[in-house]
Amino acid sequence: MDDDPRLEVLDGIVRARRMIRAFTDQPVDAEVLTRLLELTRRAPSAGNTQAWELLVLEGDETEVYWEATLGARRMGFGWPGLLRAPVLVVVYVRPGAYVDRYAEADKAATGLGDSTESWTVPYWWVDGGAAVENLLLAATAAGLGACLFGQFEHEDSVRRAFAVPDDRRAIGTVAIGHPDTDTDASGRSAGRARPGLDEIVHRGQWRRLS
């Protein structure tokens, strides 16, 4: 099992993935981008609801995005190389679709078809995160860089700028492009050590760590 070449390839991609915050001006090949987007929709989904959508921005559209989110603050933005990303993909989810799906006959007994408040774990966020991870890993496999960042207080301004329906919620935005290795720098959180496997895996029962 240790010699399985498929695991070796996956291991290399997962370990190579990191957030890239500086890009060159080189465009992303259109066919490559389409393939990345196709892989994104292969993520798992509760009830096979598949209620995520992708707003893909290129060229002048990215300028509209940065104007909607940063405006005049672009001049002092701490990650100027991020603004050169040739592609921005905003991942949206539709929470109401999960209510509709779980009101169907095969899921109605769960009670999750009543309202979004019925969900103790809002799986639209879980599924949207899975879709984002597919996109990040696919970009790494294609030799590209990618960076996920949140919209936070800018969600409504982006919604207005691109006529996004009110019932969609943004997971965040993924910048994609060719890394500028000369100017890229790690984020402030990059130095935080990952916990060891023995710290996060509890086999058989939960064990208290000293």
Protein backbone atom coordinates (compact mmCIF):
# COMPACT_ATOMS: atom_id res chain seq x y z
CA MET A 1 0.00 0.00 0.00
CA ASP A 2 2.87 2.38 0.81
CA ASP A 3 4.15 2.00 -2.75
CA ASP A 4 0.83 2.84 -4.38
CA PRO A 5 1.78 5.46 -7.01
CA ARG A 6 -1.64 7.07 -6.72
CA LEU A 7 -1.05 7.81 -3.06
CA GLU A 8 2.41 9.13 -3.86
CA VAL A 9 0.96 11.58 -6.38
CA LEU A 10 -1.77 12.69 -3.97
CA ASP A 11 0.72 13.05 -1.15
CA GLY A 12 2.89 15.31 -3.29
CA ILE A 13 -0.02 17.53 -4.30
CA VAL A 14 -1.41 17.89 -0.78
CA ARG A 15 1.99 18.70 0.70
CA ALA A 16 2.79 21.20 -2.07
CA ARG A 17 -0.45 23.12 -1.66
CA ARG A 18 -0.11 26.48 0.07
CA MET A 19 -1.67 29.90 -0.17
CA ILE A 20 0.02 31.98 -2.89
CA ARG A 21 -0.31 35.73 -2.45
CA ALA A 22 1.67 37.04 -5.43
CA PHE A 23 1.05 36.28 -9.09
CA THR A 24 2.60 37.15 -12.43
CA ASP A 25 0.62 38.77 -15.25
CA GLN A 26 0.64 35.52 -17.25
CA PRO A 27 -2.94 34.42 -18.01
CA VAL A 28 -4.31 31.01 -17.08
CA ASP A 29 -4.93 28.77 -20.08
CA ALA A 30 -8.67 28.64 -20.77
CA GLU A 31 -8.78 24.85 -21.09
CA VAL A 32 -6.84 24.40 -17.87
CA LEU A 33 -9.22 26.73 -16.04
CA THR A 34 -12.25 24.85 -17.33
CA ARG A 35 -10.74 21.61 -16.11
CA LEU A 36 -10.13 23.09 -12.65
CA LEU A 37 -13.74 24.24 -12.48
CA GLU A 38 -14.93 20.79 -13.55
CA LEU A 39 -12.95 19.18 -10.75
CA THR A 40 -14.43 21.64 -8.27
CA ARG A 41 -17.92 20.32 -8.86
CA ARG A 42 -16.78 16.77 -8.09
CA ALA A 43 -16.70 17.57 -4.36
CA PRO A 44 -18.96 15.61 -1.98
CA SER A 45 -22.36 17.07 -1.15
CA ALA A 46 -24.93 16.29 1.54
CA GLY A 47 -27.91 14.57 -0.06
CA ASN A 48 -26.15 15.13 -3.37
CA THR A 49 -27.68 18.61 -3.24
CA GLN A 50 -24.76 20.14 -5.17
CA ALA A 51 -25.96 23.66 -4.45
CA TRP A 52 -22.72 25.52 -5.04
CA GLU A 53 -22.02 27.90 -7.90
CA LEU A 54 -18.90 29.64 -9.15
CA LEU A 55 -18.58 33.28 -10.16
CA VAL A 56 -15.49 33.31 -12.41
CA LEU A 57 -13.86 36.69 -13.02
CA GLU A 58 -11.10 37.43 -15.52
CA GLY A 59 -9.55 40.50 -17.13
CA ASP A 60 -11.34 43.76 -16.34
CA GLU A 61 -13.83 41.86 -14.20
CA THR A 62 -11.15 41.38 -11.55
CA GLU A 63 -10.70 45.15 -11.43
CA VAL A 64 -14.39 45.52 -10.66
CA TYR A 65 -13.99 43.01 -7.84
CA TRP A 66 -11.06 44.82 -6.24
CA GLU A 67 -12.81 48.14 -6.56
CA ALA A 68 -15.87 46.68 -4.82
CA THR A 69 -13.81 45.22 -1.96
CA LEU A 70 -10.81 47.50 -1.51
CA GLY A 71 -11.62 50.74 -3.31
CA ALA A 72 -9.12 53.47 -2.43
CA ARG A 73 -7.38 51.15 0.05
CA ARG A 74 -5.76 49.32 -2.85
CA MET A 75 -2.85 51.78 -2.73
CA GLY A 76 -1.74 50.57 0.69
CA PHE A 77 -2.82 46.95 0.39
CA GLY A 78 -0.34 44.62 2.05
CA TRP A 79 -0.40 41.99 -0.70
CA PRO A 80 -0.09 43.89 -4.00
CA GLY A 81 0.89 40.72 -5.88
CA LEU A 82 -2.51 39.24 -5.05
CA LEU A 83 -4.16 41.97 -7.10
CA ARG A 84 -2.41 40.65 -10.23
CA ALA A 85 -4.19 37.29 -10.07
CA PRO A 86 -5.65 36.77 -13.57
CA VAL A 87 -8.56 34.69 -12.27
CA LEU A 88 -10.83 35.12 -9.28
CA VAL A 89 -13.36 32.41 -8.47
CA VAL A 90 -16.03 33.28 -5.92
CA VAL A 91 -17.60 30.13 -4.51
CA TYR A 92 -21.26 30.54 -3.60
CA VAL A 93 -23.69 28.22 -1.83
CA ARG A 94 -27.50 28.31 -1.71
CA PRO A 95 -28.67 27.32 1.77
CA GLY A 96 -32.31 27.12 0.72
CA ALA A 97 -31.48 24.33 -1.71
CA TYR A 98 -30.60 22.09 1.23
CA VAL A 99 -33.96 22.75 2.85
CA ASP A 100 -35.70 21.93 -0.43
CA ARG A 101 -33.64 18.76 -0.93
CA TYR A 102 -34.30 17.47 2.58
CA ALA A 103 -38.01 18.14 2.24
CA GLU A 104 -38.10 15.54 -0.55
CA ALA A 105 -39.59 12.12 0.20
CA ASP A 106 -36.33 10.24 0.74
CA LYS A 107 -35.03 12.84 3.24
CA ALA A 108 -38.19 14.24 4.85
CA ALA A 109 -37.89 12.07 7.97
CA THR A 110 -34.77 13.98 9.00
CA GLY A 111 -36.77 17.13 9.72
CA LEU A 112 -34.10 19.18 7.97
CA GLY A 113 -36.53 20.25 5.29
CA ASP A 114 -38.34 22.63 7.64
CA SER A 115 -35.89 25.54 7.57
CA THR A 116 -32.19 26.37 7.65
CA GLU A 117 -32.50 26.71 11.43
CA SER A 118 -33.21 22.97 11.62
CA TRP A 119 -29.62 22.21 10.66
CA THR A 120 -27.37 21.91 13.72
CA VAL A 121 -24.48 21.66 11.24
CA PRO A 122 -25.12 23.89 8.19
CA TYR A 123 -23.87 21.52 5.53
CA TRP A 124 -23.90 24.16 2.80
CA TRP A 125 -20.75 25.54 4.44
CA VAL A 126 -19.23 22.05 4.72
CA ASP A 127 -19.94 21.25 1.07
CA GLY A 128 -18.76 24.65 -0.10
CA GLY A 129 -15.50 24.15 1.79
CA ALA A 130 -15.04 20.78 0.10
CA ALA A 131 -15.54 22.41 -3.29
CA VAL A 132 -12.94 25.04 -2.43
CA GLU A 133 -10.42 22.40 -1.40
CA ASN A 134 -10.95 20.57 -4.69
CA LEU A 135 -10.20 23.82 -6.50
CA LEU A 136 -7.08 24.54 -4.45
CA LEU A 137 -5.68 21.05 -4.94
CA ALA A 138 -6.53 21.03 -8.63
CA ALA A 139 -4.72 24.35 -9.10
CA THR A 140 -1.65 22.94 -7.34
CA ALA A 141 -1.74 19.82 -9.50
CA ALA A 142 -1.83 22.04 -12.60
CA GLY A 143 1.31 23.89 -11.48
CA LEU A 144 -0.63 27.03 -10.58
CA GLY A 145 -0.88 29.01 -7.39
CA ALA A 146 -4.09 29.72 -5.53
CA CYS A 147 -5.21 31.63 -2.46
CA LEU A 148 -8.52 31.46 -0.61
CA PHE A 149 -9.63 34.61 1.21
CA GLY A 150 -12.90 35.71 2.74
CA GLN A 151 -15.19 38.54 1.71
CA PHE A 152 -16.47 39.32 5.21
CA GLU A 153 -17.97 42.84 5.21
CA HIS A 154 -17.59 43.07 1.41
CA GLU A 155 -20.02 40.28 0.56
CA ASP A 156 -22.88 42.65 -0.22
CA SER A 157 -20.75 45.00 -2.33
CA VAL A 158 -19.56 42.06 -4.44
CA ARG A 159 -23.14 40.83 -4.70
CA ARG A 160 -24.24 44.21 -6.05
CA ALA A 161 -21.28 44.56 -8.42
CA PHE A 162 -22.00 41.23 -10.14
CA ALA A 163 -25.79 40.90 -9.70
CA VAL A 164 -25.52 37.83 -7.46
CA PRO A 165 -28.96 36.67 -6.23
CA ASP A 166 -29.76 37.44 -2.59
CA ASP A 167 -30.23 33.78 -1.65
CA ARG A 168 -26.60 32.91 -2.42
CA ARG A 169 -23.89 33.14 0.24
CA ALA A 170 -20.20 33.48 -0.47
CA ILE A 171 -17.78 30.92 0.95
CA GLY A 172 -14.92 33.16 -0.17
CA THR A 173 -12.81 34.01 -3.19
CA VAL A 174 -10.03 31.91 -4.71
CA ALA A 175 -7.36 33.78 -6.63
CA ILE A 176 -5.66 31.61 -9.27
CA GLY A 177 -2.63 32.25 -11.44
CA HIS A 178 1.05 31.64 -12.00
CA PRO A 179 3.02 32.25 -8.80
CA ASP A 180 5.45 35.15 -8.69
CA THR A 181 8.14 33.35 -6.72
CA ASP A 182 10.29 36.49 -6.50
CA THR A 183 7.77 38.48 -4.48
CA ASP A 184 5.50 35.91 -2.86
CA ALA A 185 5.68 35.80 0.91
CA SER A 186 3.96 33.63 3.48
CA GLY A 187 1.13 35.01 5.56
CA ARG A 188 1.54 35.86 9.23
CA SER A 189 -0.06 32.58 10.27
CA ALA A 190 2.22 30.37 8.19
CA GLY A 191 4.67 29.89 11.05
CA ARG A 192 2.14 28.15 13.25
CA ALA A 193 3.17 24.51 13.58
CA ARG A 194 0.78 21.78 12.49
CA PRO A 195 -0.22 19.45 15.34
CA GLY A 196 1.25 15.99 15.18
CA LEU A 197 -0.88 13.03 14.14
CA ASP A 198 -0.82 11.70 17.70
CA GLU A 199 -2.36 14.99 18.87
CA ILE A 200 -5.40 14.92 16.60
CA VAL A 201 -6.16 11.21 16.11
CA HIS A 202 -8.14 9.37 18.79
CA ARG A 203 -8.36 5.69 17.95
CA GLY A 204 -11.19 3.73 19.54
CA GLN A 205 -12.01 6.34 22.14
CA TRP A 206 -11.16 9.92 22.99
CA ARG A 207 -8.02 10.26 25.06
CA ARG A 208 -7.05 13.25 27.10
CA LEU A 209 -3.71 14.80 26.17
CA SER A 210 -1.50 16.02 28.99
